[in-house]
């Protein structure tokens, strides 16, 4: 294992920062989900296009909430800052920008190239 491959643990401050960010996102998304569900229950728009847009937003919001909860679980079990593919550390700087990411940059690039 090279020095680059060694897992660098997040500091307590970094974990707290990410946790607060994720909790804030979760609260905002849950509120948005309630709004979207109310729109659907109330008729969800005047035409099929509007209703489809609301349903698409609702599905995307549900997916994001699931991703946030998954990230919080990974944060709790210590696997949060590890790439899901290669197991190397994901730098804190990347996690601050993309807190839901599960991949390091090289693995993400490989996924996008497919």
PDB file of N, CA and C in Angstrom:
ATOM      1  N   UNK A   1       0.848  -1.175   0.000  1.00  0.00           N
ATOM      2  CA  UNK A   1       0.000   0.000   0.000  1.00  0.00           C
ATOM      3  C   UNK A   1       0.893   1.238   0.000  1.00  0.00           C
ATOM      4  N   UNK A   2       0.646   2.147  -0.905  1.00  0.00           N
ATOM      5  CA  UNK A   2       1.447   3.362  -0.967  1.00  0.00           C
ATOM      6  C   UNK A   2       0.898   4.392   0.005  1.00  0.00           C
ATOM      7  N   UNK A   3       1.696   5.425   0.227  1.00  0.00           N
ATOM      8  CA  UNK A   3       1.242   6.478   1.130  1.00  0.00           C
ATOM      9  C   UNK A   3      -0.036   7.118   0.603  1.00  0.00           C
ATOM     10  N   UNK A   4      -0.171   7.230  -0.727  1.00  0.00           N
ATOM     11  CA  UNK A   4      -1.364   7.817  -1.332  1.00  0.00           C
ATOM     12  C   UNK A   4      -2.608   6.983  -1.033  1.00  0.00           C
ATOM     13  N   UNK A   5      -2.433   5.673  -0.916  1.00  0.00           N
ATOM     14  CA  UNK A   5      -3.561   4.776  -0.706  1.00  0.00           C
ATOM     15  C   UNK A   5      -4.009   4.695   0.748  1.00  0.00           C
ATOM     16  N   UNK A   6      -3.189   5.167   1.670  1.00  0.00           N
ATOM     17  CA  UNK A   6      -3.547   5.065   3.074  1.00  0.00           C
ATOM     18  C   UNK A   6      -4.790   5.890   3.361  1.00  0.00           C
ATOM     19  N   UNK A   7      -5.630   5.359   4.214  1.00  0.00           N
ATOM     20  CA  UNK A   7      -6.861   6.044   4.584  1.00  0.00           C
ATOM     21  C   UNK A   7      -6.556   7.157   5.576  1.00  0.00           C
ATOM     22  N   UNK A   8      -6.945   8.347   5.234  1.00  0.00           N
ATOM     23  CA  UNK A   8      -6.772   9.489   6.123  1.00  0.00           C
ATOM     24  C   UNK A   8      -8.125   9.741   6.780  1.00  0.00           C
ATOM     25  N   UNK A   9      -8.158   9.589   8.083  1.00  0.00           N
ATOM     26  CA  UNK A   9      -9.403   9.773   8.823  1.00  0.00           C
ATOM     27  C   UNK A   9      -9.770  11.252   8.854  1.00  0.00           C
ATOM     28  N   UNK A  10     -11.067  11.510   8.800  1.00  0.00           N
ATOM     29  CA  UNK A  10     -11.543  12.871   8.961  1.00  0.00           C
ATOM     30  C   UNK A  10     -11.408  13.263  10.428  1.00  0.00           C
ATOM     31  N   UNK A  11     -11.088  14.519  10.663  1.00  0.00           N
ATOM     32  CA  UNK A  11     -11.011  15.003  12.044  1.00  0.00           C
ATOM     33  C   UNK A  11     -12.429  15.133  12.608  1.00  0.00           C
ATOM     34  N   UNK A  12     -12.521  15.264  13.919  1.00  0.00           N
ATOM     35  CA  UNK A  12     -13.829  15.441  14.553  1.00  0.00           C
ATOM     36  C   UNK A  12     -14.518  16.699  14.042  1.00  0.00           C
ATOM     37  N   UNK A  13     -13.749  17.746  13.827  1.00  0.00           N
ATOM     38  CA  UNK A  13     -14.308  19.002  13.314  1.00  0.00           C
ATOM     39  C   UNK A  13     -14.842  18.797  11.897  1.00  0.00           C
ATOM     40  N   UNK A  14     -14.097  18.079  11.071  1.00  0.00           N
ATOM     41  CA  UNK A  14     -14.547  17.810   9.707  1.00  0.00           C
ATOM     42  C   UNK A  14     -15.813  16.959   9.706  1.00  0.00           C
ATOM     43  N   UNK A  15     -15.850  15.932  10.538  1.00  0.00           N
ATOM     44  CA  UNK A  15     -17.042  15.081  10.640  1.00  0.00           C
ATOM     45  C   UNK A  15     -18.235  15.918  11.087  1.00  0.00           C
ATOM     46  N   UNK A  16     -18.029  16.780  12.074  1.00  0.00           N
ATOM     47  CA  UNK A  16     -19.107  17.638  12.569  1.00  0.00           C
ATOM     48  C   UNK A  16     -19.596  18.583  11.475  1.00  0.00           C
ATOM     49  N   UNK A  17     -18.679  19.170  10.729  1.00  0.00           N
ATOM     50  CA  UNK A  17     -19.041  20.081   9.639  1.00  0.00           C
ATOM     51  C   UNK A  17     -19.892  19.365   8.599  1.00  0.00           C
ATOM     52  N   UNK A  18     -19.445  18.193   8.195  1.00  0.00           N
ATOM     53  CA  UNK A  18     -20.183  17.430   7.184  1.00  0.00           C
ATOM     54  C   UNK A  18     -21.533  16.989   7.733  1.00  0.00           C
ATOM     55  N   UNK A  19     -21.557  16.519   8.963  1.00  0.00           N
ATOM     56  CA  UNK A  19     -22.805  16.073   9.578  1.00  0.00           C
ATOM     57  C   UNK A  19     -23.827  17.207   9.631  1.00  0.00           C
ATOM     58  N   UNK A  20     -23.393  18.382  10.050  1.00  0.00           N
ATOM     59  CA  UNK A  20     -24.297  19.536  10.110  1.00  0.00           C
ATOM     60  C   UNK A  20     -24.804  19.904   8.728  1.00  0.00           C
ATOM     61  N   UNK A  21     -23.923  19.868   7.733  1.00  0.00           N
ATOM     62  CA  UNK A  21     -24.312  20.158   6.358  1.00  0.00           C
ATOM     63  C   UNK A  21     -25.364  19.156   5.882  1.00  0.00           C
ATOM     64  N   UNK A  22     -25.112  17.873   6.111  1.00  0.00           N
ATOM     65  CA  UNK A  22     -26.049  16.836   5.675  1.00  0.00           C
ATOM     66  C   UNK A  22     -27.384  16.939   6.408  1.00  0.00           C
ATOM     67  N   UNK A  23     -27.344  17.209   7.704  1.00  0.00           N
ATOM     68  CA  UNK A  23     -28.587  17.359   8.472  1.00  0.00           C
ATOM     69  C   UNK A  23     -29.397  18.546   7.954  1.00  0.00           C
ATOM     70  N   UNK A  24     -28.717  19.639   7.646  1.00  0.00           N
ATOM     71  CA  UNK A  24     -29.385  20.816   7.100  1.00  0.00           C
ATOM     72  C   UNK A  24     -30.021  20.497   5.750  1.00  0.00           C
ATOM     73  N   UNK A  25     -29.273  19.805   4.893  1.00  0.00           N
ATOM     74  CA  UNK A  25     -29.818  19.404   3.596  1.00  0.00           C
ATOM     75  C   UNK A  25     -31.026  18.495   3.769  1.00  0.00           C
ATOM     76  N   UNK A  26     -30.931  17.561   4.710  1.00  0.00           N
ATOM     77  CA  UNK A  26     -32.025  16.622   4.944  1.00  0.00           C
ATOM     78  C   UNK A  26     -33.287  17.358   5.384  1.00  0.00           C
ATOM     79  N   UNK A  27     -33.150  18.309   6.293  1.00  0.00           N
ATOM     80  CA  UNK A  27     -34.312  19.070   6.755  1.00  0.00           C
ATOM     81  C   UNK A  27     -34.934  19.865   5.608  1.00  0.00           C
ATOM     82  N   UNK A  28     -34.087  20.515   4.790  1.00  0.00           N
ATOM     83  CA  UNK A  28     -34.604  21.304   3.676  1.00  0.00           C
ATOM     84  C   UNK A  28     -35.305  20.404   2.660  1.00  0.00           C
ATOM     85  N   UNK A  29     -34.685  19.275   2.330  1.00  0.00           N
ATOM     86  CA  UNK A  29     -35.284  18.350   1.352  1.00  0.00           C
ATOM     87  C   UNK A  29     -36.579  17.746   1.882  1.00  0.00           C
ATOM     88  N   UNK A  30     -36.637  17.427   3.167  1.00  0.00           N
ATOM     89  CA  UNK A  30     -37.864  16.872   3.745  1.00  0.00           C
ATOM     90  C   UNK A  30     -38.996  17.892   3.664  1.00  0.00           C
ATOM     91  N   UNK A  31     -38.682  19.154   3.912  1.00  0.00           N
ATOM     92  CA  UNK A  31     -39.672  20.218   3.788  1.00  0.00           C
ATOM     93  C   UNK A  31     -40.142  20.346   2.341  1.00  0.00           C
ATOM     94  N   UNK A  32     -39.194  20.291   1.423  1.00  0.00           N
ATOM     95  CA  UNK A  32     -39.529  20.364  -0.008  1.00  0.00           C
ATOM     96  C   UNK A  32     -40.385  19.169  -0.422  1.00  0.00           C
ATOM     97  N   UNK A  33     -40.078  17.991   0.107  1.00  0.00           N
ATOM     98  CA  UNK A  33     -40.861  16.797  -0.201  1.00  0.00           C
ATOM     99  C   UNK A  33     -42.304  16.973   0.259  1.00  0.00           C
ATOM    100  N   UNK A  34     -42.498  17.530   1.443  1.00  0.00           N
ATOM    101  CA  UNK A  34     -43.851  17.796   1.937  1.00  0.00           C
ATOM    102  C   UNK A  34     -44.597  18.744   0.998  1.00  0.00           C
ATOM    103  N   UNK A  35     -43.919  19.784   0.526  1.00  0.00           N
ATOM    104  CA  UNK A  35     -44.533  20.735  -0.406  1.00  0.00           C
ATOM    105  C   UNK A  35     -44.938  20.045  -1.704  1.00  0.00           C
ATOM    106  N   UNK A  36     -44.049  19.214  -2.232  1.00  0.00           N
ATOM    107  CA  UNK A  36     -44.338  18.519  -3.485  1.00  0.00           C
ATOM    108  C   UNK A  36     -45.484  17.528  -3.325  1.00  0.00           C
ATOM    109  N   UNK A  37     -45.503  16.819  -2.210  1.00  0.00           N
ATOM    110  CA  UNK A  37     -46.606  15.879  -1.959  1.00  0.00           C
ATOM    111  C   UNK A  37     -47.932  16.622  -1.854  1.00  0.00           C
ATOM    112  N   UNK A  38     -47.924  17.795  -1.222  1.00  0.00           N
ATOM    113  CA  UNK A  38     -49.140  18.601  -1.119  1.00  0.00           C
ATOM    114  C   UNK A  38     -49.607  19.040  -2.502  1.00  0.00           C
ATOM    115  N   UNK A  39     -48.664  19.384  -3.377  1.00  0.00           N
ATOM    116  CA  UNK A  39     -49.029  19.747  -4.746  1.00  0.00           C
ATOM    117  C   UNK A  39     -49.673  18.577  -5.477  1.00  0.00           C
ATOM    118  N   UNK A  40     -49.105  17.399  -5.327  1.00  0.00           N
ATOM    119  CA  UNK A  40     -49.647  16.214  -5.997  1.00  0.00           C
ATOM    120  C   UNK A  40     -51.041  15.903  -5.460  1.00  0.00           C
ATOM    121  N   UNK A  41     -51.189  15.938  -4.141  1.00  0.00           N
ATOM    122  CA  UNK A  41     -52.486  15.650  -3.528  1.00  0.00           C
ATOM    123  C   UNK A  41     -53.523  16.704  -3.889  1.00  0.00           C
ATOM    124  N   UNK A  42     -53.078  17.935  -4.119  1.00  0.00           N
ATOM    125  CA  UNK A  42     -53.986  19.016  -4.454  1.00  0.00           C
ATOM    126  C   UNK A  42     -54.233  19.162  -5.946  1.00  0.00           C
ATOM    127  N   UNK A  43     -53.738  18.270  -6.747  1.00  0.00           N
ATOM    128  CA  UNK A  43     -53.966  18.348  -8.185  1.00  0.00           C
ATOM    129  C   UNK A  43     -52.692  18.503  -8.972  1.00  0.00           C
ATOM    130  N   UNK A  44     -51.634  18.977  -8.352  1.00  0.00           N
ATOM    131  CA  UNK A  44     -50.298  18.995  -8.939  1.00  0.00           C
ATOM    132  C   UNK A  44     -50.114  19.763 -10.217  1.00  0.00           C
ATOM    133  N   UNK A  45     -50.819  20.813 -10.452  1.00  0.00           N
ATOM    134  CA  UNK A  45     -50.628  21.585 -11.672  1.00  0.00           C
ATOM    135  C   UNK A  45     -51.877  21.539 -12.532  1.00  0.00           C
ATOM    136  N   UNK A  46     -51.925  22.385 -13.486  1.00  0.00           N
ATOM    137  CA  UNK A  46     -53.130  22.497 -14.297  1.00  0.00           C
ATOM    138  C   UNK A  46     -53.111  21.610 -15.524  1.00  0.00           C
ATOM    139  N   UNK A  47     -51.955  21.190 -15.960  1.00  0.00           N
ATOM    140  CA  UNK A  47     -51.892  20.338 -17.145  1.00  0.00           C
ATOM    141  C   UNK A  47     -50.967  19.155 -16.893  1.00  0.00           C
ATOM    142  N   UNK A  48     -50.976  18.218 -17.834  1.00  0.00           N
ATOM    143  CA  UNK A  48     -50.153  17.013 -17.677  1.00  0.00           C
ATOM    144  C   UNK A  48     -48.665  17.337 -17.588  1.00  0.00           C
ATOM    145  N   UNK A  49     -48.216  18.340 -18.332  1.00  0.00           N
ATOM    146  CA  UNK A  49     -46.804  18.715 -18.293  1.00  0.00           C
ATOM    147  C   UNK A  49     -46.388  19.210 -16.921  1.00  0.00           C
ATOM    148  N   UNK A  50     -47.225  20.044 -16.310  1.00  0.00           N
ATOM    149  CA  UNK A  50     -46.923  20.548 -14.966  1.00  0.00           C
ATOM    150  C   UNK A  50     -46.930  19.419 -13.950  1.00  0.00           C
ATOM    151  N   UNK A  51     -47.919  18.528 -14.073  1.00  0.00           N
ATOM    152  CA  UNK A  51     -48.006  17.410 -13.134  1.00  0.00           C
ATOM    153  C   UNK A  51     -46.800  16.495 -13.281  1.00  0.00           C
ATOM    154  N   UNK A  52     -46.378  16.238 -14.508  1.00  0.00           N
ATOM    155  CA  UNK A  52     -45.201  15.396 -14.726  1.00  0.00           C
ATOM    156  C   UNK A  52     -43.955  16.043 -14.128  1.00  0.00           C
ATOM    157  N   UNK A  53     -43.860  17.356 -14.245  1.00  0.00           N
ATOM    158  CA  UNK A  53     -42.726  18.073 -13.656  1.00  0.00           C
ATOM    159  C   UNK A  53     -42.705  17.949 -12.144  1.00  0.00           C
ATOM    160  N   UNK A  54     -43.870  18.085 -11.519  1.00  0.00           N
ATOM    161  CA  UNK A  54     -43.965  17.954 -10.066  1.00  0.00           C
ATOM    162  C   UNK A  54     -43.611  16.533  -9.645  1.00  0.00           C
ATOM    163  N   UNK A  55     -44.112  15.540 -10.383  1.00  0.00           N
ATOM    164  CA  UNK A  55     -43.808  14.141 -10.061  1.00  0.00           C
ATOM    165  C   UNK A  55     -42.315  13.847 -10.228  1.00  0.00           C
ATOM    166  N   UNK A  56     -41.698  14.433 -11.248  1.00  0.00           N
ATOM    167  CA  UNK A  56     -40.254  14.253 -11.449  1.00  0.00           C
ATOM    168  C   UNK A  56     -39.476  14.897 -10.303  1.00  0.00           C
ATOM    169  N   UNK A  57     -39.888  16.098  -9.894  1.00  0.00           N
ATOM    170  CA  UNK A  57     -39.238  16.767  -8.756  1.00  0.00           C
ATOM    171  C   UNK A  57     -39.403  15.948  -7.476  1.00  0.00           C
ATOM    172  N   UNK A  58     -40.591  15.381  -7.290  1.00  0.00           N
ATOM    173  CA  UNK A  58     -40.850  14.570  -6.108  1.00  0.00           C
ATOM    174  C   UNK A  58     -39.933  13.350  -6.085  1.00  0.00           C
ATOM    175  N   UNK A  59     -39.816  12.663  -7.213  1.00  0.00           N
ATOM    176  CA  UNK A  59     -38.949  11.476  -7.289  1.00  0.00           C
ATOM    177  C   UNK A  59     -37.484  11.847  -7.048  1.00  0.00           C
ATOM    178  N   UNK A  60     -37.042  12.954  -7.633  1.00  0.00           N
ATOM    179  CA  UNK A  60     -35.652  13.389  -7.446  1.00  0.00           C
ATOM    180  C   UNK A  60     -35.388  13.757  -5.986  1.00  0.00           C
ATOM    181  N   UNK A  61     -36.340  14.405  -5.356  1.00  0.00           N
ATOM    182  CA  UNK A  61     -36.190  14.785  -3.950  1.00  0.00           C
ATOM    183  C   UNK A  61     -36.142  13.545  -3.062  1.00  0.00           C
ATOM    184  N   UNK A  62     -36.988  12.557  -3.354  1.00  0.00           N
ATOM    185  CA  UNK A  62     -36.953  11.300  -2.587  1.00  0.00           C
ATOM    186  C   UNK A  62     -35.603  10.606  -2.735  1.00  0.00           C
ATOM    187  N   UNK A  63     -35.062  10.581  -3.963  1.00  0.00           N
ATOM    188  CA  UNK A  63     -33.742   9.966  -4.193  1.00  0.00           C
ATOM    189  C   UNK A  63     -32.654  10.691  -3.408  1.00  0.00           C
ATOM    190  N   UNK A  64     -32.710  12.014  -3.431  1.00  0.00           N
ATOM    191  CA  UNK A  64     -31.698  12.797  -2.719  1.00  0.00           C
ATOM    192  C   UNK A  64     -31.784  12.567  -1.215  1.00  0.00           C
ATOM    193  N   UNK A  65     -32.997  12.486  -0.682  1.00  0.00           N
ATOM    194  CA  UNK A  65     -33.162  12.203   0.748  1.00  0.00           C
ATOM    195  C   UNK A  65     -32.546  10.849   1.087  1.00  0.00           C
ATOM    196  N   UNK A  66     -32.765   9.860   0.238  1.00  0.00           N
ATOM    197  CA  UNK A  66     -32.166   8.540   0.453  1.00  0.00           C
ATOM    198  C   UNK A  66     -30.646   8.633   0.429  1.00  0.00           C
ATOM    199  N   UNK A  67     -30.094   9.392  -0.516  1.00  0.00           N
ATOM    200  CA  UNK A  67     -28.639   9.566  -0.600  1.00  0.00           C
ATOM    201  C   UNK A  67     -28.090  10.265   0.645  1.00  0.00           C
ATOM    202  N   UNK A  68     -28.812  11.257   1.141  1.00  0.00           N
ATOM    203  CA  UNK A  68     -28.372  11.970   2.346  1.00  0.00           C
ATOM    204  C   UNK A  68     -28.384  11.022   3.547  1.00  0.00           C
ATOM    205  N   UNK A  69     -29.448  10.256   3.684  1.00  0.00           N
ATOM    206  CA  UNK A  69     -29.520   9.296   4.804  1.00  0.00           C
ATOM    207  C   UNK A  69     -28.405   8.263   4.699  1.00  0.00           C
ATOM    208  N   UNK A  70     -28.137   7.790   3.477  1.00  0.00           N
ATOM    209  CA  UNK A  70     -27.032   6.843   3.275  1.00  0.00           C
ATOM    210  C   UNK A  70     -25.697   7.472   3.681  1.00  0.00           C
ATOM    211  N   UNK A  71     -25.499   8.741   3.303  1.00  0.00           N
ATOM    212  CA  UNK A  71     -24.256   9.435   3.658  1.00  0.00           C
ATOM    213  C   UNK A  71     -24.131   9.573   5.176  1.00  0.00           C
ATOM    214  N   UNK A  72     -25.228   9.883   5.847  1.00  0.00           N
ATOM    215  CA  UNK A  72     -25.198   9.989   7.308  1.00  0.00           C
ATOM    216  C   UNK A  72     -24.881   8.638   7.951  1.00  0.00           C
ATOM    217  N   UNK A  73     -25.406   7.554   7.389  1.00  0.00           N
ATOM    218  CA  UNK A  73     -25.081   6.213   7.898  1.00  0.00           C
ATOM    219  C   UNK A  73     -23.599   5.907   7.701  1.00  0.00           C
ATOM    220  N   UNK A  74     -23.067   6.250   6.519  1.00  0.00           N
ATOM    221  CA  UNK A  74     -21.640   6.024   6.263  1.00  0.00           C
ATOM    222  C   UNK A  74     -20.783   6.873   7.195  1.00  0.00           C
ATOM    223  N   UNK A  75     -21.234   8.083   7.469  1.00  0.00           N
ATOM    224  CA  UNK A  75     -20.509   8.951   8.402  1.00  0.00           C
ATOM    225  C   UNK A  75     -20.483   8.312   9.795  1.00  0.00           C
ATOM    226  N   UNK A  76     -21.603   7.744  10.207  1.00  0.00           N
ATOM    227  CA  UNK A  76     -21.690   7.113  11.527  1.00  0.00           C
ATOM    228  C   UNK A  76     -20.846   5.845  11.625  1.00  0.00           C
ATOM    229  N   UNK A  77     -20.775   5.070  10.531  1.00  0.00           N
ATOM    230  CA  UNK A  77     -20.026   3.805  10.614  1.00  0.00           C
ATOM    231  C   UNK A  77     -18.563   3.931  10.195  1.00  0.00           C
ATOM    232  N   UNK A  78     -18.143   5.147   9.821  1.00  0.00           N
ATOM    233  CA  UNK A  78     -16.737   5.385   9.497  1.00  0.00           C
ATOM    234  C   UNK A  78     -16.340   5.122   8.063  1.00  0.00           C
ATOM    235  N   UNK A  79     -17.285   4.751   7.209  1.00  0.00           N
ATOM    236  CA  UNK A  79     -16.946   4.460   5.811  1.00  0.00           C
ATOM    237  C   UNK A  79     -17.189   5.651   4.887  1.00  0.00           C
ATOM    238  N   UNK A  80     -17.629   6.768   5.434  1.00  0.00           N
ATOM    239  CA  UNK A  80     -18.034   7.926   4.632  1.00  0.00           C
ATOM    240  C   UNK A  80     -16.941   8.433   3.700  1.00  0.00           C
ATOM    241  N   UNK A  81     -15.733   8.544   4.155  1.00  0.00           N
ATOM    242  CA  UNK A  81     -14.681   9.173   3.348  1.00  0.00           C
ATOM    243  C   UNK A  81     -13.880   8.171   2.520  1.00  0.00           C
ATOM    244  N   UNK A  82     -14.430   6.972   2.331  1.00  0.00           N
ATOM    245  CA  UNK A  82     -13.762   5.944   1.528  1.00  0.00           C
ATOM    246  C   UNK A  82     -14.489   5.797   0.198  1.00  0.00           C
ATOM    247  N   UNK A  83     -13.730   5.670  -0.891  1.00  0.00           N
ATOM    248  CA  UNK A  83     -14.300   5.456  -2.214  1.00  0.00           C
ATOM    249  C   UNK A  83     -14.993   4.093  -2.240  1.00  0.00           C
ATOM    250  N   UNK A  84     -16.214   4.056  -2.745  1.00  0.00           N
ATOM    251  CA  UNK A  84     -16.982   2.809  -2.805  1.00  0.00           C
ATOM    252  C   UNK A  84     -16.377   1.806  -3.779  1.00  0.00           C
ATOM    253  N   UNK A  85     -15.582   2.278  -4.734  1.00  0.00           N
ATOM    254  CA  UNK A  85     -14.990   1.375  -5.726  1.00  0.00           C
ATOM    255  C   UNK A  85     -13.601   0.896  -5.329  1.00  0.00           C
ATOM    256  N   UNK A  86     -12.700   1.827  -5.057  1.00  0.00           N
ATOM    257  CA  UNK A  86     -11.298   1.446  -4.846  1.00  0.00           C
ATOM    258  C   UNK A  86     -10.870   1.486  -3.381  1.00  0.00           C
ATOM    259  N   UNK A  87     -11.675   2.089  -2.519  1.00  0.00           N
ATOM    260  CA  UNK A  87     -11.369   2.119  -1.098  1.00  0.00           C
ATOM    261  C   UNK A  87     -10.399   3.196  -0.648  1.00  0.00           C
ATOM    262  N   UNK A  88      -9.898   4.009  -1.568  1.00  0.00           N
ATOM    263  CA  UNK A  88      -8.982   5.070  -1.159  1.00  0.00           C
ATOM    264  C   UNK A  88      -9.759   6.201  -0.486  1.00  0.00           C
ATOM    265  N   UNK A  89      -9.034   7.054   0.179  1.00  0.00           N
ATOM    266  CA  UNK A  89      -9.647   8.193   0.856  1.00  0.00           C
ATOM    267  C   UNK A  89     -10.159   9.212  -0.150  1.00  0.00           C
ATOM    268  N   UNK A  90     -11.302   9.788   0.172  1.00  0.00           N
ATOM    269  CA  UNK A  90     -11.834  10.910  -0.593  1.00  0.00           C
ATOM    270  C   UNK A  90     -11.456  12.157   0.203  1.00  0.00           C
ATOM    271  N   UNK A  91     -10.735  13.088  -0.405  1.00  0.00           N
ATOM    272  CA  UNK A  91     -10.288  14.276   0.334  1.00  0.00           C
ATOM    273  C   UNK A  91     -11.454  15.094   0.901  1.00  0.00           C
ATOM    274  N   UNK A  92     -11.238  15.666   2.069  1.00  0.00           N
ATOM    275  CA  UNK A  92     -12.248  16.494   2.719  1.00  0.00           C
ATOM    276  C   UNK A  92     -12.714  17.618   1.798  1.00  0.00           C
ATOM    277  N   UNK A  93     -11.796  18.195   1.035  1.00  0.00           N
ATOM    278  CA  UNK A  93     -12.156  19.287   0.124  1.00  0.00           C
ATOM    279  C   UNK A  93     -13.218  18.827  -0.878  1.00  0.00           C
ATOM    280  N   UNK A  94     -13.098  17.610  -1.381  1.00  0.00           N
ATOM    281  CA  UNK A  94     -14.102  17.070  -2.315  1.00  0.00           C
ATOM    282  C   UNK A  94     -15.416  16.816  -1.578  1.00  0.00           C
ATOM    283  N   UNK A  95     -15.328  16.280  -0.376  1.00  0.00           N
ATOM    284  CA  UNK A  95     -16.534  15.983   0.392  1.00  0.00           C
ATOM    285  C   UNK A  95     -17.288  17.254   0.778  1.00  0.00           C
ATOM    286  N   UNK A  96     -16.557  18.351   1.018  1.00  0.00           N
ATOM    287  CA  UNK A  96     -17.228  19.622   1.313  1.00  0.00           C
ATOM    288  C   UNK A  96     -18.035  20.084   0.110  1.00  0.00           C
ATOM    289  N   UNK A  97     -17.485  19.906  -1.082  1.00  0.00           N
ATOM    290  CA  UNK A  97     -18.140  20.363  -2.309  1.00  0.00           C
ATOM    291  C   UNK A  97     -19.253  19.405  -2.731  1.00  0.00           C
ATOM    292  N   UNK A  98     -18.980  18.109  -2.618  1.00  0.00           N
ATOM    293  CA  UNK A  98     -19.932  17.075  -3.035  1.00  0.00           C
ATOM    294  C   UNK A  98     -20.133  16.092  -1.876  1.00  0.00           C
ATOM    295  N   UNK A  99     -20.889  16.497  -0.862  1.00  0.00           N
ATOM    296  CA  UNK A  99     -20.995  15.670   0.340  1.00  0.00           C
ATOM    297  C   UNK A  99     -21.684  14.319   0.136  1.00  0.00           C
ATOM    298  N   UNK A 100     -22.377  14.136  -0.975  1.00  0.00           N
ATOM    299  CA  UNK A 100     -23.047  12.859  -1.219  1.00  0.00           C
ATOM    300  C   UNK A 100     -22.215  11.909  -2.070  1.00  0.00           C
ATOM    301  N   UNK A 101     -21.034  12.360  -2.483  1.00  0.00           N
ATOM    302  CA  UNK A 101     -20.218  11.521  -3.355  1.00  0.00           C
ATOM    303  C   UNK A 101     -19.804  10.233  -2.656  1.00  0.00           C
ATOM    304  N   UNK A 102     -19.712   9.177  -3.435  1.00  0.00           N
ATOM    305  CA  UNK A 102     -19.260   7.878  -2.926  1.00  0.00           C
ATOM    306  C   UNK A 102     -17.957   7.459  -3.590  1.00  0.00           C
ATOM    307  N   UNK A 103     -17.434   8.334  -4.474  1.00  0.00           N
ATOM    308  CA  UNK A 103     -16.268   7.956  -5.272  1.00  0.00           C
ATOM    309  C   UNK A 103     -15.197   9.042  -5.267  1.00  0.00           C
ATOM    310  N   UNK A 104     -13.944   8.586  -5.347  1.00  0.00           N
ATOM    311  CA  UNK A 104     -12.827   9.507  -5.545  1.00  0.00           C
ATOM    312  C   UNK A 104     -12.905  10.025  -6.986  1.00  0.00           C
ATOM    313  N   UNK A 105     -12.130  11.048  -7.292  1.00  0.00           N
ATOM    314  CA  UNK A 105     -12.181  11.647  -8.627  1.00  0.00           C
ATOM    315  C   UNK A 105     -11.829  10.642  -9.730  1.00  0.00           C
ATOM    316  N   UNK A 106     -10.750   9.867  -9.612  1.00  0.00           N
ATOM    317  CA  UNK A 106     -10.434   8.917 -10.691  1.00  0.00           C
ATOM    318  C   UNK A 106     -11.554   7.898 -10.941  1.00  0.00           C
ATOM    319  N   UNK A 107     -12.160   7.383  -9.888  1.00  0.00           N
ATOM    320  CA  UNK A 107     -13.246   6.414 -10.077  1.00  0.00           C
ATOM    321  C   UNK A 107     -14.479   7.096 -10.670  1.00  0.00           C
ATOM    322  N   UNK A 108     -14.773   8.323 -10.254  1.00  0.00           N
ATOM    323  CA  UNK A 108     -15.900   9.068 -10.819  1.00  0.00           C
ATOM    324  C   UNK A 108     -15.673   9.284 -12.306  1.00  0.00           C
ATOM    325  N   UNK A 109     -14.460   9.634 -12.687  1.00  0.00           N
ATOM    326  CA  UNK A 109     -14.152   9.843 -14.103  1.00  0.00           C
ATOM    327  C   UNK A 109     -14.326   8.557 -14.892  1.00  0.00           C
ATOM    328  N   UNK A 110     -13.944   7.427 -14.311  1.00  0.00           N
ATOM    329  CA  UNK A 110     -14.143   6.142 -14.992  1.00  0.00           C
ATOM    330  C   UNK A 110     -15.630   5.859 -15.183  1.00  0.00           C
ATOM    331  N   UNK A 111     -16.447   6.169 -14.172  1.00  0.00           N
ATOM    332  CA  UNK A 111     -17.891   5.960 -14.287  1.00  0.00           C
ATOM    333  C   UNK A 111     -18.488   6.836 -15.381  1.00  0.00           C
ATOM    334  N   UNK A 112     -18.047   8.081 -15.436  1.00  0.00           N
ATOM    335  CA  UNK A 112     -18.579   9.015 -16.429  1.00  0.00           C
ATOM    336  C   UNK A 112     -18.151   8.653 -17.838  1.00  0.00           C
ATOM    337  N   UNK A 113     -17.000   7.998 -17.975  1.00  0.00           N
ATOM    338  CA  UNK A 113     -16.494   7.621 -19.299  1.00  0.00           C
ATOM    339  C   UNK A 113     -17.256   6.433 -19.886  1.00  0.00           C
ATOM    340  N   UNK A 114     -17.966   5.713 -19.046  1.00  0.00           N
ATOM    341  CA  UNK A 114     -18.708   4.531 -19.514  1.00  0.00           C
ATOM    342  C   UNK A 114     -19.899   4.890 -20.333  1.00  0.00           C
TER     343      UNK A 114
END
